[in-house]
Amino acid sequence: MLSLDDIITVWDNPGYQITFSDSVKDLIICNKNVRTQWLNVFSEKQPDELLIIKLIFHFEWLATLKKELIDFYRIADTDYKPEKMDPDWFNGLEIWDVTIDIDHKNTIHTEILMADYYNNGYSFCLNLKDDIITHLQYDPSL
């Protein structure tokens, strides 16, 4: 579990880059170990303690995103998605990239790029706003 001491903020014009202490090598996202070097986290304003706590809770929520992702995926209107969705589909997803942008209102916008081996290895982009999935789009060119 992340703590306040695990979060490092550095000014990076025009905002702040958020990284992790050397003791944090991986985070869990969608039940997958993701190297922290694959995470890009930025904030428009200097993160205070409350925002860092919100970000920590966001990462805890991302770790267990299975049910929400499957439910959203089932109703998503997108091309290329496979008909069969089961635990094997979820377990076979591979996370390629995670970008988190925190706006001036402390809203957390997350974009996760995943590969779906069930679907010819096509990748899809999952967008979230705080703890709500807002969009899913397959991209067969990736």
Protein backbone atom coordinates (compact mmCIF):
# COMPACT_ATOMS: atom_id res chain seq x y z
CA MET A 1 0.00 0.00 0.00
CA LEU A 2 1.27 3.44 -0.90
CA SER A 3 1.94 6.05 1.76
CA LEU A 4 2.46 9.80 1.60
CA ASP A 5 6.22 9.22 1.80
CA ASP A 6 6.11 7.12 -1.39
CA ILE A 7 4.92 10.05 -3.52
CA ILE A 8 7.45 12.52 -4.93
CA THR A 9 6.43 15.71 -6.72
CA VAL A 10 8.77 17.70 -8.94
CA TRP A 11 8.10 20.94 -10.83
CA ASP A 12 8.02 20.16 -14.55
CA ASN A 13 6.86 23.20 -16.51
CA PRO A 14 3.90 23.74 -16.94
CA GLY A 15 2.92 21.63 -13.91
CA TYR A 16 4.14 18.94 -11.57
CA GLN A 17 5.35 15.46 -12.32
CA ILE A 18 4.51 12.87 -9.69
CA THR A 19 6.84 9.92 -9.25
CA PHE A 20 7.40 7.26 -6.63
CA SER A 21 10.13 6.57 -4.12
CA ASP A 22 12.79 4.00 -5.00
CA SER A 23 11.11 1.50 -2.68
CA VAL A 24 8.02 1.39 -4.95
CA LYS A 25 8.93 -0.63 -8.05
CA ASP A 26 5.44 -1.82 -9.05
CA LEU A 27 1.83 -0.88 -8.52
CA ILE A 28 -1.19 -3.10 -9.07
CA ILE A 29 -3.58 -1.91 -11.78
CA CYS A 30 -6.44 -4.17 -12.91
CA ASN A 31 -4.88 -6.98 -10.87
CA LYS A 32 -1.63 -6.66 -12.88
CA ASN A 33 1.82 -5.65 -11.66
CA VAL A 34 2.77 -2.47 -13.49
CA ARG A 35 6.29 -1.06 -13.27
CA THR A 36 6.20 2.47 -11.89
CA GLN A 37 8.43 3.53 -14.79
CA TRP A 38 5.42 2.87 -17.08
CA LEU A 39 3.29 5.34 -15.11
CA ASN A 40 3.13 8.98 -16.15
CA VAL A 41 1.46 11.13 -13.51
CA PHE A 42 1.09 14.91 -13.84
CA SER A 43 -0.72 17.63 -11.92
CA GLU A 44 -1.59 21.13 -13.12
CA LYS A 45 -1.07 22.51 -9.62
CA GLN A 46 1.22 21.59 -6.76
CA PRO A 47 -0.28 18.54 -5.04
CA ASP A 48 -1.14 19.05 -1.39
CA GLU A 49 -1.60 16.28 1.15
CA LEU A 50 -5.31 15.85 0.39
CA LEU A 51 -4.65 15.44 -3.33
CA ILE A 52 -1.90 12.90 -2.67
CA ILE A 53 -4.26 10.93 -0.42
CA LYS A 54 -6.90 11.05 -3.19
CA LEU A 55 -4.30 9.77 -5.67
CA ILE A 56 -3.32 6.93 -3.32
CA PHE A 57 -6.98 5.91 -3.01
CA HIS A 58 -7.28 6.11 -6.80
CA PHE A 59 -4.39 3.65 -7.19
CA GLU A 60 -6.02 1.35 -4.63
CA TRP A 61 -9.24 1.48 -6.66
CA LEU A 62 -7.38 0.85 -9.95
CA ALA A 63 -5.88 -2.28 -8.38
CA THR A 64 -9.33 -3.87 -8.11
CA LEU A 65 -10.94 -2.55 -11.29
CA LYS A 66 -12.13 -5.95 -12.55
CA LYS A 67 -15.92 -5.79 -12.04
CA GLU A 68 -16.27 -2.17 -13.18
CA LEU A 69 -14.17 -2.83 -16.28
CA ILE A 70 -16.09 -5.96 -17.29
CA ASP A 71 -19.46 -4.27 -16.69
CA PHE A 72 -18.46 -1.21 -18.71
CA TYR A 73 -16.91 -3.34 -21.44
CA ARG A 74 -20.11 -5.33 -21.90
CA ILE A 75 -22.14 -2.20 -22.66
CA ALA A 76 -19.44 -0.26 -24.53
CA ASP A 77 -20.31 0.54 -28.12
CA THR A 78 -16.99 -0.04 -29.83
CA ASP A 79 -15.68 -1.96 -32.80
CA TYR A 80 -13.40 -4.99 -32.58
CA LYS A 81 -14.41 -6.20 -29.13
CA PRO A 82 -14.80 -9.96 -28.69
CA GLU A 83 -18.15 -11.50 -27.88
CA LYS A 84 -16.90 -13.73 -25.08
CA MET A 85 -15.89 -12.05 -21.87
CA ASP A 86 -14.93 -14.08 -18.87
CA PRO A 87 -12.21 -14.17 -16.21
CA ASP A 88 -9.78 -15.53 -18.82
CA TRP A 89 -10.35 -12.39 -20.92
CA PHE A 90 -9.65 -10.12 -17.95
CA ASN A 91 -6.67 -12.16 -16.76
CA GLY A 92 -5.16 -12.05 -20.25
CA LEU A 93 -5.14 -8.27 -20.53
CA GLU A 94 -1.70 -6.68 -20.61
CA ILE A 95 -1.12 -3.09 -19.52
CA TRP A 96 1.22 -1.15 -21.78
CA ASP A 97 0.94 2.41 -20.51
CA VAL A 98 -0.80 4.46 -17.83
CA THR A 99 -1.12 8.25 -17.92
CA ILE A 100 -2.76 10.22 -15.14
CA ASP A 101 -3.45 13.95 -15.44
CA ILE A 102 -4.81 15.86 -12.46
CA ASP A 103 -6.50 19.11 -13.40
CA HIS A 104 -6.74 22.36 -11.43
CA LYS A 105 -9.97 21.12 -9.79
CA ASN A 106 -8.18 17.96 -8.51
CA THR A 107 -10.09 15.75 -10.94
CA ILE A 108 -8.03 12.68 -11.81
CA HIS A 109 -8.11 11.79 -15.53
CA THR A 110 -6.63 8.36 -16.22
CA GLU A 111 -5.82 6.75 -19.55
CA ILE A 112 -4.79 3.08 -19.60
CA LEU A 113 -3.55 1.44 -22.78
CA MET A 114 -4.07 -2.33 -22.72
CA ALA A 115 -3.49 -5.25 -25.07
CA ASP A 116 -6.29 -7.78 -25.47
CA TYR A 117 -4.91 -11.17 -26.52
CA TYR A 118 -8.49 -12.52 -26.88
CA ASN A 119 -9.00 -10.04 -29.69
CA ASN A 120 -6.06 -10.68 -32.01
CA GLY A 121 -3.75 -8.75 -29.72
CA TYR A 122 -5.48 -5.46 -30.54
CA SER A 123 -5.09 -2.81 -27.93
CA PHE A 124 -7.68 -0.57 -26.39
CA CYS A 125 -7.62 2.65 -24.48
CA LEU A 126 -9.60 2.95 -21.27
CA ASN A 127 -10.43 6.44 -19.99
CA LEU A 128 -11.48 7.25 -16.46
CA LYS A 129 -12.52 10.40 -14.62
CA ASP A 130 -11.81 10.00 -10.94
CA ASP A 131 -13.24 6.55 -10.16
CA ILE A 132 -15.63 6.33 -13.10
CA ILE A 133 -14.89 4.65 -16.42
CA THR A 134 -15.92 7.08 -19.16
CA HIS A 135 -14.74 5.57 -22.44
CA LEU A 136 -13.25 2.48 -24.04
CA GLN A 137 -11.95 2.46 -27.60
CA TYR A 138 -10.18 -0.30 -29.52
CA ASP A 139 -7.35 0.67 -31.84
CA PRO A 140 -6.31 -2.14 -34.19
CA SER A 141 -3.33 -0.08 -35.37
CA LEU A 142 -1.57 -0.56 -32.03
